[in-house]
């Protein structure tokens, strides 16, 4: 996807995830959308900074970079939702475009993608972005309601019980 597609994805995710986290539709929902907007857009745009240096879809489009964004809020207590922007950027590039990304770079330079994507200049790119965004929102809703509270990182009761039963 191109920058326009990634920004569209982040804006739609901020709105949709705002309603997932605060479904009341009142002021709290709109505050949540505002809180999500900047981190999601930053996360959605960050991987494409590798167009200015390094190798595009390799240098900042890989699992080690994602691990840094996943760990960041644990160590520093901020940028809680930037990782969602980065993950959804990767998903758009893997599923929505023809080229894919080098998930295991720098160990492997192989780019992984699905054969169903479109070129970034396609007239269908925006429609593909919206469809993928809806799927991402569905996954985030399932995670929010059944796995872990995305706002706090607290596992849901069933997941906590399952984790407690593991022989660690």
N, C-alpha and C. Protein backbone atom coordinates (compact mmCIF):
# COMPACT_ATOMS: atom_id res chain seq x y z
N UNK A 1 0.83 -1.19 0.00
CA UNK A 1 0.00 0.00 0.00
C UNK A 1 0.87 1.25 0.00
N UNK A 2 0.26 2.35 -0.40
CA UNK A 2 0.97 3.63 -0.38
C UNK A 2 0.63 4.38 0.91
N UNK A 3 1.26 5.54 1.09
CA UNK A 3 1.03 6.31 2.33
C UNK A 3 -0.45 6.66 2.51
N UNK A 4 -1.12 7.00 1.44
CA UNK A 4 -2.54 7.33 1.53
C UNK A 4 -3.33 6.14 2.10
N UNK A 5 -3.04 4.95 1.62
CA UNK A 5 -3.72 3.75 2.10
C UNK A 5 -3.44 3.48 3.57
N UNK A 6 -2.19 3.69 3.99
CA UNK A 6 -1.84 3.47 5.39
C UNK A 6 -2.51 4.49 6.31
N UNK A 7 -2.61 5.74 5.86
CA UNK A 7 -3.29 6.76 6.66
C UNK A 7 -4.79 6.47 6.71
N UNK A 8 -5.38 6.10 5.59
CA UNK A 8 -6.80 5.73 5.56
C UNK A 8 -7.06 4.59 6.54
N UNK A 9 -6.20 3.58 6.51
CA UNK A 9 -6.31 2.45 7.41
C UNK A 9 -6.25 2.91 8.87
N UNK A 10 -5.31 3.77 9.21
CA UNK A 10 -5.15 4.24 10.59
C UNK A 10 -6.35 5.06 11.05
N UNK A 11 -6.88 5.91 10.18
CA UNK A 11 -8.04 6.73 10.55
C UNK A 11 -9.26 5.83 10.80
N UNK A 12 -9.50 4.89 9.89
CA UNK A 12 -10.63 3.97 10.07
C UNK A 12 -10.44 3.09 11.31
N UNK A 13 -9.20 2.67 11.57
CA UNK A 13 -8.93 1.89 12.78
C UNK A 13 -9.18 2.70 14.03
N UNK A 14 -8.77 3.97 14.04
CA UNK A 14 -8.99 4.82 15.22
C UNK A 14 -10.48 4.94 15.51
N UNK A 15 -11.26 5.15 14.47
CA UNK A 15 -12.72 5.27 14.66
C UNK A 15 -13.31 3.93 15.11
N UNK A 16 -13.00 2.87 14.40
CA UNK A 16 -13.55 1.56 14.74
C UNK A 16 -13.10 1.07 16.10
N UNK A 17 -11.82 1.19 16.40
CA UNK A 17 -11.30 0.73 17.68
C UNK A 17 -11.81 1.61 18.82
N UNK A 18 -12.04 2.89 18.53
CA UNK A 18 -12.65 3.77 19.53
C UNK A 18 -14.01 3.23 19.97
N UNK A 19 -14.78 2.75 19.02
CA UNK A 19 -16.09 2.17 19.35
C UNK A 19 -15.96 0.79 19.99
N UNK A 20 -14.93 0.05 19.65
CA UNK A 20 -14.71 -1.25 20.29
C UNK A 20 -14.35 -1.05 21.77
N UNK A 21 -13.47 -0.08 22.04
CA UNK A 21 -13.03 0.16 23.41
C UNK A 21 -14.06 0.91 24.25
N UNK A 22 -14.81 1.80 23.62
CA UNK A 22 -15.84 2.61 24.30
C UNK A 22 -17.11 2.61 23.46
N UNK A 23 -17.88 1.54 23.48
CA UNK A 23 -19.02 1.39 22.57
C UNK A 23 -20.22 2.29 22.86
N UNK A 24 -20.17 3.09 23.89
CA UNK A 24 -21.33 3.90 24.28
C UNK A 24 -21.72 4.94 23.23
N UNK A 25 -20.80 5.39 22.43
CA UNK A 25 -21.10 6.40 21.40
C UNK A 25 -21.24 7.81 21.96
N UNK A 26 -20.80 8.01 23.18
CA UNK A 26 -20.88 9.35 23.77
C UNK A 26 -19.52 10.03 23.75
N UNK A 27 -19.33 11.03 24.59
CA UNK A 27 -18.09 11.80 24.62
C UNK A 27 -16.89 10.90 24.87
N UNK A 28 -17.05 9.89 25.74
CA UNK A 28 -15.95 8.96 26.03
C UNK A 28 -15.45 8.27 24.75
N UNK A 29 -16.37 7.90 23.89
CA UNK A 29 -16.00 7.25 22.63
C UNK A 29 -15.16 8.19 21.78
N UNK A 30 -15.58 9.45 21.69
CA UNK A 30 -14.85 10.40 20.85
C UNK A 30 -13.51 10.78 21.45
N UNK A 31 -13.42 10.79 22.76
CA UNK A 31 -12.12 11.01 23.43
C UNK A 31 -11.19 9.84 23.11
N UNK A 32 -11.71 8.62 23.17
CA UNK A 32 -10.92 7.43 22.86
C UNK A 32 -10.44 7.47 21.41
N UNK A 33 -11.31 7.86 20.49
CA UNK A 33 -10.91 7.98 19.08
C UNK A 33 -9.78 8.99 18.94
N UNK A 34 -9.90 10.13 19.63
CA UNK A 34 -8.85 11.15 19.57
C UNK A 34 -7.54 10.63 20.16
N UNK A 35 -7.62 9.87 21.24
CA UNK A 35 -6.42 9.30 21.86
C UNK A 35 -5.75 8.27 20.95
N UNK A 36 -6.53 7.54 20.18
CA UNK A 36 -6.00 6.51 19.29
C UNK A 36 -5.44 7.07 18.00
N UNK A 37 -5.98 8.19 17.55
CA UNK A 37 -5.68 8.72 16.22
C UNK A 37 -4.18 8.92 15.98
N UNK A 38 -3.52 9.69 16.81
CA UNK A 38 -2.10 10.00 16.57
C UNK A 38 -1.22 8.75 16.67
N UNK A 39 -1.33 7.93 17.74
CA UNK A 39 -0.48 6.73 17.79
C UNK A 39 -0.69 5.79 16.60
N UNK A 40 -1.95 5.62 16.18
CA UNK A 40 -2.19 4.71 15.05
C UNK A 40 -1.62 5.26 13.75
N UNK A 41 -1.77 6.55 13.52
CA UNK A 41 -1.21 7.14 12.30
C UNK A 41 0.31 7.08 12.33
N UNK A 42 0.92 7.41 13.48
CA UNK A 42 2.38 7.32 13.58
C UNK A 42 2.87 5.90 13.31
N UNK A 43 2.22 4.93 13.94
CA UNK A 43 2.60 3.54 13.73
C UNK A 43 2.39 3.08 12.31
N UNK A 44 1.32 3.57 11.69
CA UNK A 44 1.02 3.18 10.31
C UNK A 44 2.02 3.77 9.32
N UNK A 45 2.58 4.92 9.64
CA UNK A 45 3.53 5.57 8.73
C UNK A 45 4.98 5.21 9.00
N UNK A 46 5.29 4.84 10.24
CA UNK A 46 6.68 4.61 10.61
C UNK A 46 7.42 3.62 9.70
N UNK A 47 6.88 2.44 9.40
CA UNK A 47 7.66 1.50 8.59
C UNK A 47 8.11 2.06 7.24
N UNK A 48 7.35 2.99 6.67
CA UNK A 48 7.74 3.54 5.37
C UNK A 48 8.85 4.58 5.47
N UNK A 49 9.33 4.87 6.68
CA UNK A 49 10.51 5.74 6.81
C UNK A 49 11.72 5.07 6.15
N UNK A 50 11.66 3.77 5.93
CA UNK A 50 12.78 3.10 5.28
C UNK A 50 12.89 3.41 3.78
N UNK A 51 11.97 4.22 3.27
CA UNK A 51 12.13 4.70 1.89
C UNK A 51 13.22 5.76 1.81
N UNK A 52 13.50 6.41 2.95
CA UNK A 52 14.52 7.46 2.99
C UNK A 52 15.91 6.89 3.29
N UNK A 53 15.99 5.71 3.84
CA UNK A 53 17.27 5.07 4.13
C UNK A 53 17.04 3.56 4.14
N UNK A 54 18.08 2.82 4.00
CA UNK A 54 17.95 1.37 4.04
C UNK A 54 17.25 0.82 2.81
N UNK A 55 16.59 -0.28 2.98
CA UNK A 55 15.89 -0.97 1.89
C UNK A 55 14.41 -1.02 2.21
N UNK A 56 13.61 -0.43 1.32
CA UNK A 56 12.18 -0.37 1.56
C UNK A 56 11.57 -1.76 1.60
N UNK A 57 10.66 -1.93 2.55
CA UNK A 57 9.97 -3.18 2.85
C UNK A 57 10.91 -4.25 3.40
N UNK A 58 12.07 -3.80 3.87
CA UNK A 58 12.99 -4.69 4.56
C UNK A 58 13.43 -4.07 5.87
N UNK A 59 14.10 -2.93 5.82
CA UNK A 59 14.74 -2.33 7.00
C UNK A 59 13.78 -2.13 8.16
N UNK A 60 12.59 -1.61 7.92
CA UNK A 60 11.63 -1.35 8.99
C UNK A 60 10.34 -2.15 8.86
N UNK A 61 10.35 -3.14 8.00
CA UNK A 61 9.18 -3.98 7.79
C UNK A 61 9.49 -5.41 8.23
N UNK A 62 9.87 -5.60 9.49
CA UNK A 62 10.27 -6.93 9.93
C UNK A 62 9.90 -7.18 11.38
N UNK A 63 10.02 -8.40 11.80
CA UNK A 63 9.62 -8.79 13.16
C UNK A 63 10.47 -8.16 14.27
N UNK A 64 11.80 -7.98 14.09
CA UNK A 64 12.56 -7.30 15.15
C UNK A 64 12.07 -5.87 15.40
N UNK A 65 11.71 -5.13 14.36
CA UNK A 65 11.18 -3.78 14.55
C UNK A 65 9.85 -3.84 15.27
N UNK A 66 9.00 -4.78 14.88
CA UNK A 66 7.71 -4.95 15.56
C UNK A 66 7.92 -5.27 17.04
N UNK A 67 8.89 -6.11 17.36
CA UNK A 67 9.16 -6.46 18.76
C UNK A 67 9.51 -5.22 19.58
N UNK A 68 10.25 -4.30 19.00
CA UNK A 68 10.59 -3.05 19.70
C UNK A 68 9.31 -2.27 20.01
N UNK A 69 8.41 -2.18 19.05
CA UNK A 69 7.16 -1.44 19.27
C UNK A 69 6.24 -2.15 20.26
N UNK A 70 6.27 -3.47 20.28
CA UNK A 70 5.47 -4.21 21.25
C UNK A 70 6.03 -4.03 22.67
N UNK A 71 7.34 -3.97 22.78
CA UNK A 71 7.99 -3.83 24.09
C UNK A 71 7.98 -2.40 24.61
N UNK A 72 7.93 -1.43 23.74
CA UNK A 72 8.05 -0.03 24.13
C UNK A 72 7.10 0.38 25.26
N UNK A 73 5.80 0.12 25.15
CA UNK A 73 4.92 0.53 26.25
C UNK A 73 5.18 -0.22 27.55
N UNK A 74 5.72 -1.42 27.47
CA UNK A 74 6.02 -2.18 28.69
C UNK A 74 7.16 -1.53 29.47
N UNK A 75 8.13 -0.98 28.75
CA UNK A 75 9.29 -0.38 29.41
C UNK A 75 9.15 1.11 29.69
N UNK A 76 8.42 1.81 28.83
CA UNK A 76 8.35 3.26 28.96
C UNK A 76 6.97 3.79 29.33
N UNK A 77 5.94 2.94 29.25
CA UNK A 77 4.61 3.33 29.68
C UNK A 77 3.87 4.26 28.74
N UNK A 78 4.38 4.51 27.57
CA UNK A 78 3.66 5.35 26.62
C UNK A 78 3.66 4.69 25.24
N UNK A 79 3.08 5.35 24.30
CA UNK A 79 2.95 4.82 22.93
C UNK A 79 2.25 3.46 22.92
N UNK A 80 1.22 3.34 23.77
CA UNK A 80 0.50 2.07 23.91
C UNK A 80 -0.03 1.50 22.62
N UNK A 81 -0.55 2.34 21.74
CA UNK A 81 -1.24 1.82 20.57
C UNK A 81 -0.45 1.97 19.26
N UNK A 82 0.78 2.45 19.34
CA UNK A 82 1.58 2.59 18.12
C UNK A 82 1.81 1.22 17.47
N UNK A 83 1.98 0.19 18.30
CA UNK A 83 2.23 -1.14 17.76
C UNK A 83 1.09 -1.61 16.85
N UNK A 84 -0.14 -1.19 17.16
CA UNK A 84 -1.27 -1.60 16.32
C UNK A 84 -1.12 -0.97 14.93
N UNK A 85 -0.69 0.29 14.88
CA UNK A 85 -0.43 0.94 13.59
C UNK A 85 0.64 0.22 12.80
N UNK A 86 1.71 -0.21 13.48
CA UNK A 86 2.80 -0.94 12.80
C UNK A 86 2.30 -2.29 12.31
N UNK A 87 1.60 -3.03 13.16
CA UNK A 87 1.08 -4.34 12.76
C UNK A 87 0.15 -4.22 11.56
N UNK A 88 -0.76 -3.25 11.61
CA UNK A 88 -1.71 -3.12 10.51
C UNK A 88 -1.02 -2.64 9.23
N UNK A 89 0.06 -1.88 9.37
CA UNK A 89 0.87 -1.51 8.20
C UNK A 89 1.41 -2.79 7.55
N UNK A 90 1.98 -3.66 8.37
CA UNK A 90 2.52 -4.92 7.86
C UNK A 90 1.43 -5.74 7.18
N UNK A 91 0.26 -5.82 7.82
CA UNK A 91 -0.85 -6.60 7.26
C UNK A 91 -1.25 -6.05 5.90
N UNK A 92 -1.36 -4.73 5.80
CA UNK A 92 -1.71 -4.13 4.50
C UNK A 92 -0.67 -4.46 3.44
N UNK A 93 0.61 -4.40 3.80
CA UNK A 93 1.65 -4.68 2.82
C UNK A 93 1.72 -6.16 2.44
N UNK A 94 1.38 -7.06 3.38
CA UNK A 94 1.43 -8.49 3.09
C UNK A 94 0.19 -8.93 2.33
N UNK A 95 -0.98 -8.48 2.79
CA UNK A 95 -2.24 -8.95 2.21
C UNK A 95 -2.71 -8.06 1.06
N UNK A 96 -2.54 -6.76 1.20
CA UNK A 96 -3.13 -5.83 0.25
C UNK A 96 -2.29 -5.48 -0.96
N UNK A 97 -0.99 -5.75 -0.91
CA UNK A 97 -0.15 -5.40 -2.06
C UNK A 97 0.47 -6.66 -2.66
N UNK A 98 1.02 -6.54 -3.80
CA UNK A 98 1.57 -7.72 -4.48
C UNK A 98 2.97 -8.07 -4.03
N UNK A 99 3.69 -7.10 -3.48
CA UNK A 99 5.11 -7.31 -3.20
C UNK A 99 5.37 -8.05 -1.90
N UNK A 100 4.69 -7.71 -0.82
CA UNK A 100 4.95 -8.32 0.47
C UNK A 100 6.06 -7.60 1.23
N UNK A 101 6.50 -8.20 2.35
CA UNK A 101 7.55 -7.59 3.17
C UNK A 101 8.53 -8.67 3.63
N UNK A 102 9.73 -8.24 4.01
CA UNK A 102 10.78 -9.15 4.48
C UNK A 102 10.67 -9.29 5.99
N UNK A 103 9.77 -10.15 6.46
CA UNK A 103 9.49 -10.30 7.89
C UNK A 103 10.71 -10.70 8.71
N UNK A 104 11.63 -11.43 8.14
CA UNK A 104 12.77 -11.95 8.90
C UNK A 104 14.08 -11.24 8.56
N UNK A 105 13.97 -10.07 7.94
CA UNK A 105 15.15 -9.27 7.64
C UNK A 105 15.76 -8.82 8.97
N UNK A 106 17.03 -8.80 9.15
CA UNK A 106 18.13 -8.97 8.21
C UNK A 106 18.60 -10.42 8.04
N UNK A 107 17.98 -11.36 8.73
CA UNK A 107 18.39 -12.76 8.57
C UNK A 107 18.09 -13.29 7.18
N UNK A 108 16.88 -13.00 6.68
CA UNK A 108 16.47 -13.42 5.35
C UNK A 108 15.97 -12.21 4.57
N UNK A 109 16.32 -12.13 3.31
CA UNK A 109 15.85 -11.01 2.48
C UNK A 109 14.56 -11.35 1.73
N UNK A 110 14.07 -12.57 1.90
CA UNK A 110 12.86 -13.02 1.22
C UNK A 110 11.67 -12.17 1.65
N UNK A 111 10.90 -11.71 0.67
CA UNK A 111 9.68 -10.94 0.96
C UNK A 111 8.48 -11.88 0.92
N UNK A 112 7.64 -11.78 1.96
CA UNK A 112 6.47 -12.63 2.07
C UNK A 112 5.21 -11.81 1.82
N UNK A 113 4.35 -12.34 1.00
CA UNK A 113 3.09 -11.69 0.71
C UNK A 113 2.09 -12.71 0.20
N UNK A 114 0.85 -12.30 0.12
CA UNK A 114 -0.18 -13.17 -0.43
C UNK A 114 -0.43 -12.78 -1.88
N UNK A 115 -0.80 -13.72 -2.71
CA UNK A 115 -0.99 -13.42 -4.14
C UNK A 115 -2.29 -12.69 -4.46
N UNK A 116 -3.00 -12.21 -3.44
CA UNK A 116 -4.30 -11.59 -3.68
C UNK A 116 -4.26 -10.06 -3.71
N UNK A 117 -3.12 -9.48 -3.44
CA UNK A 117 -3.03 -8.03 -3.33
C UNK A 117 -3.08 -7.31 -4.67
N UNK A 118 -3.10 -5.99 -4.58
CA UNK A 118 -3.11 -5.15 -5.77
C UNK A 118 -1.87 -4.26 -5.76
N UNK A 119 -1.55 -3.68 -6.88
CA UNK A 119 -0.43 -2.74 -6.91
C UNK A 119 -0.84 -1.47 -6.17
N UNK A 120 0.16 -0.75 -5.67
CA UNK A 120 -0.14 0.45 -4.88
C UNK A 120 -0.82 1.53 -5.71
N UNK A 121 -0.66 1.50 -7.02
CA UNK A 121 -1.28 2.50 -7.88
C UNK A 121 -2.63 2.05 -8.44
N UNK A 122 -3.10 0.88 -8.03
CA UNK A 122 -4.36 0.34 -8.54
C UNK A 122 -5.54 1.20 -8.14
N UNK A 123 -6.54 1.26 -9.02
CA UNK A 123 -7.77 1.99 -8.70
C UNK A 123 -8.56 1.27 -7.61
N UNK A 124 -8.20 0.02 -7.32
CA UNK A 124 -8.88 -0.77 -6.29
C UNK A 124 -8.16 -0.72 -4.94
N UNK A 125 -7.04 -0.01 -4.84
CA UNK A 125 -6.23 0.00 -3.62
C UNK A 125 -7.02 0.49 -2.41
N UNK A 126 -7.82 1.54 -2.57
CA UNK A 126 -8.59 2.06 -1.44
C UNK A 126 -9.65 1.05 -0.97
N UNK A 127 -10.32 0.40 -1.91
CA UNK A 127 -11.33 -0.59 -1.56
C UNK A 127 -10.68 -1.77 -0.83
N UNK A 128 -9.52 -2.20 -1.30
CA UNK A 128 -8.79 -3.29 -0.65
C UNK A 128 -8.40 -2.87 0.77
N UNK A 129 -7.96 -1.63 0.92
CA UNK A 129 -7.59 -1.10 2.24
C UNK A 129 -8.78 -1.14 3.19
N UNK A 130 -9.94 -0.72 2.74
CA UNK A 130 -11.14 -0.72 3.58
C UNK A 130 -11.53 -2.14 3.99
N UNK A 131 -11.49 -3.08 3.06
CA UNK A 131 -11.85 -4.47 3.37
C UNK A 131 -10.87 -5.05 4.39
N UNK A 132 -9.58 -4.82 4.19
CA UNK A 132 -8.58 -5.33 5.14
C UNK A 132 -8.76 -4.67 6.50
N UNK A 133 -9.05 -3.38 6.51
CA UNK A 133 -9.26 -2.67 7.77
C UNK A 133 -10.45 -3.25 8.54
N UNK A 134 -11.52 -3.57 7.85
CA UNK A 134 -12.68 -4.19 8.51
C UNK A 134 -12.29 -5.53 9.12
N UNK A 135 -11.48 -6.31 8.42
CA UNK A 135 -11.02 -7.59 8.96
C UNK A 135 -10.12 -7.36 10.18
N UNK A 136 -9.25 -6.36 10.11
CA UNK A 136 -8.39 -6.04 11.25
C UNK A 136 -9.22 -5.63 12.47
N UNK A 137 -10.25 -4.82 12.23
CA UNK A 137 -11.13 -4.40 13.33
C UNK A 137 -11.85 -5.59 13.95
N UNK A 138 -12.26 -6.53 13.11
CA UNK A 138 -12.91 -7.74 13.64
C UNK A 138 -11.95 -8.51 14.53
N UNK A 139 -10.72 -8.66 14.11
CA UNK A 139 -9.72 -9.36 14.91
C UNK A 139 -9.47 -8.61 16.22
N UNK A 140 -9.31 -7.28 16.14
CA UNK A 140 -9.09 -6.48 17.35
C UNK A 140 -10.27 -6.58 18.31
N UNK A 141 -11.49 -6.62 17.79
CA UNK A 141 -12.67 -6.76 18.65
C UNK A 141 -12.66 -8.12 19.35
N UNK A 142 -12.32 -9.18 18.63
CA UNK A 142 -12.23 -10.51 19.25
C UNK A 142 -11.17 -10.51 20.35
N UNK A 143 -10.02 -9.91 20.06
CA UNK A 143 -8.96 -9.82 21.07
C UNK A 143 -9.46 -9.05 22.29
N UNK A 144 -10.10 -7.89 22.05
CA UNK A 144 -10.59 -7.05 23.14
C UNK A 144 -11.61 -7.76 24.01
N UNK A 145 -12.55 -8.45 23.41
CA UNK A 145 -13.65 -9.03 24.18
C UNK A 145 -13.37 -10.43 24.73
N UNK A 146 -12.42 -11.16 24.12
CA UNK A 146 -12.22 -12.54 24.54
C UNK A 146 -10.81 -12.88 25.01
N UNK A 147 -9.80 -12.08 24.65
CA UNK A 147 -8.42 -12.45 24.97
C UNK A 147 -7.80 -11.52 26.00
N UNK A 148 -7.67 -10.24 25.66
CA UNK A 148 -7.00 -9.29 26.55
C UNK A 148 -7.62 -7.90 26.36
N UNK A 149 -7.75 -7.17 27.43
CA UNK A 149 -8.24 -5.80 27.35
C UNK A 149 -7.13 -4.96 26.73
N UNK A 150 -7.37 -4.44 25.54
CA UNK A 150 -6.35 -3.68 24.83
C UNK A 150 -5.98 -2.38 25.55
N UNK A 151 -6.89 -1.84 26.33
CA UNK A 151 -6.60 -0.60 27.06
C UNK A 151 -5.64 -0.81 28.21
N UNK A 152 -5.76 -1.94 28.89
CA UNK A 152 -4.96 -2.18 30.09
C UNK A 152 -3.92 -3.29 29.94
N UNK A 153 -4.11 -4.15 28.94
CA UNK A 153 -3.22 -5.30 28.78
C UNK A 153 -3.57 -6.46 29.71
N UNK A 154 -4.69 -6.36 30.39
CA UNK A 154 -5.12 -7.39 31.33
C UNK A 154 -5.78 -8.54 30.58
N UNK A 155 -5.30 -9.77 30.79
CA UNK A 155 -5.95 -10.91 30.14
C UNK A 155 -7.39 -11.09 30.64
N UNK A 156 -8.25 -11.54 29.76
CA UNK A 156 -9.62 -11.85 30.15
C UNK A 156 -9.62 -13.05 31.09
N UNK A 157 -10.69 -13.23 31.83
CA UNK A 157 -10.76 -14.23 32.88
C UNK A 157 -10.43 -15.64 32.37
N UNK A 158 -11.00 -16.03 31.22
CA UNK A 158 -10.76 -17.36 30.67
C UNK A 158 -9.30 -17.54 30.28
N UNK A 159 -8.71 -16.50 29.71
CA UNK A 159 -7.31 -16.56 29.29
C UNK A 159 -6.41 -16.61 30.52
N UNK A 160 -6.72 -15.82 31.54
CA UNK A 160 -5.94 -15.82 32.77
C UNK A 160 -5.97 -17.20 33.42
N UNK A 161 -7.16 -17.82 33.43
CA UNK A 161 -7.29 -19.16 34.00
C UNK A 161 -6.47 -20.17 33.21
N UNK A 162 -6.51 -20.06 31.90
CA UNK A 162 -5.73 -20.95 31.04
C UNK A 162 -4.24 -20.78 31.30
N UNK A 163 -3.80 -19.53 31.38
CA UNK A 163 -2.39 -19.25 31.64
C UNK A 163 -1.95 -19.74 33.01
N UNK A 164 -2.84 -19.60 34.00
CA UNK A 164 -2.54 -20.03 35.35
C UNK A 164 -2.37 -21.55 35.42
N UNK A 165 -3.05 -22.26 34.54
CA UNK A 165 -2.97 -23.72 34.53
C UNK A 165 -1.78 -24.29 33.79
N UNK A 166 -0.99 -23.43 33.13
CA UNK A 166 0.18 -23.91 32.40
C UNK A 166 1.30 -24.30 33.36
N UNK A 167 1.96 -25.41 33.12
CA UNK A 167 3.07 -25.83 34.01
C UNK A 167 4.36 -25.07 33.68
N UNK A 168 4.49 -23.90 34.26
CA UNK A 168 5.70 -23.09 34.00
C UNK A 168 6.54 -23.03 35.24
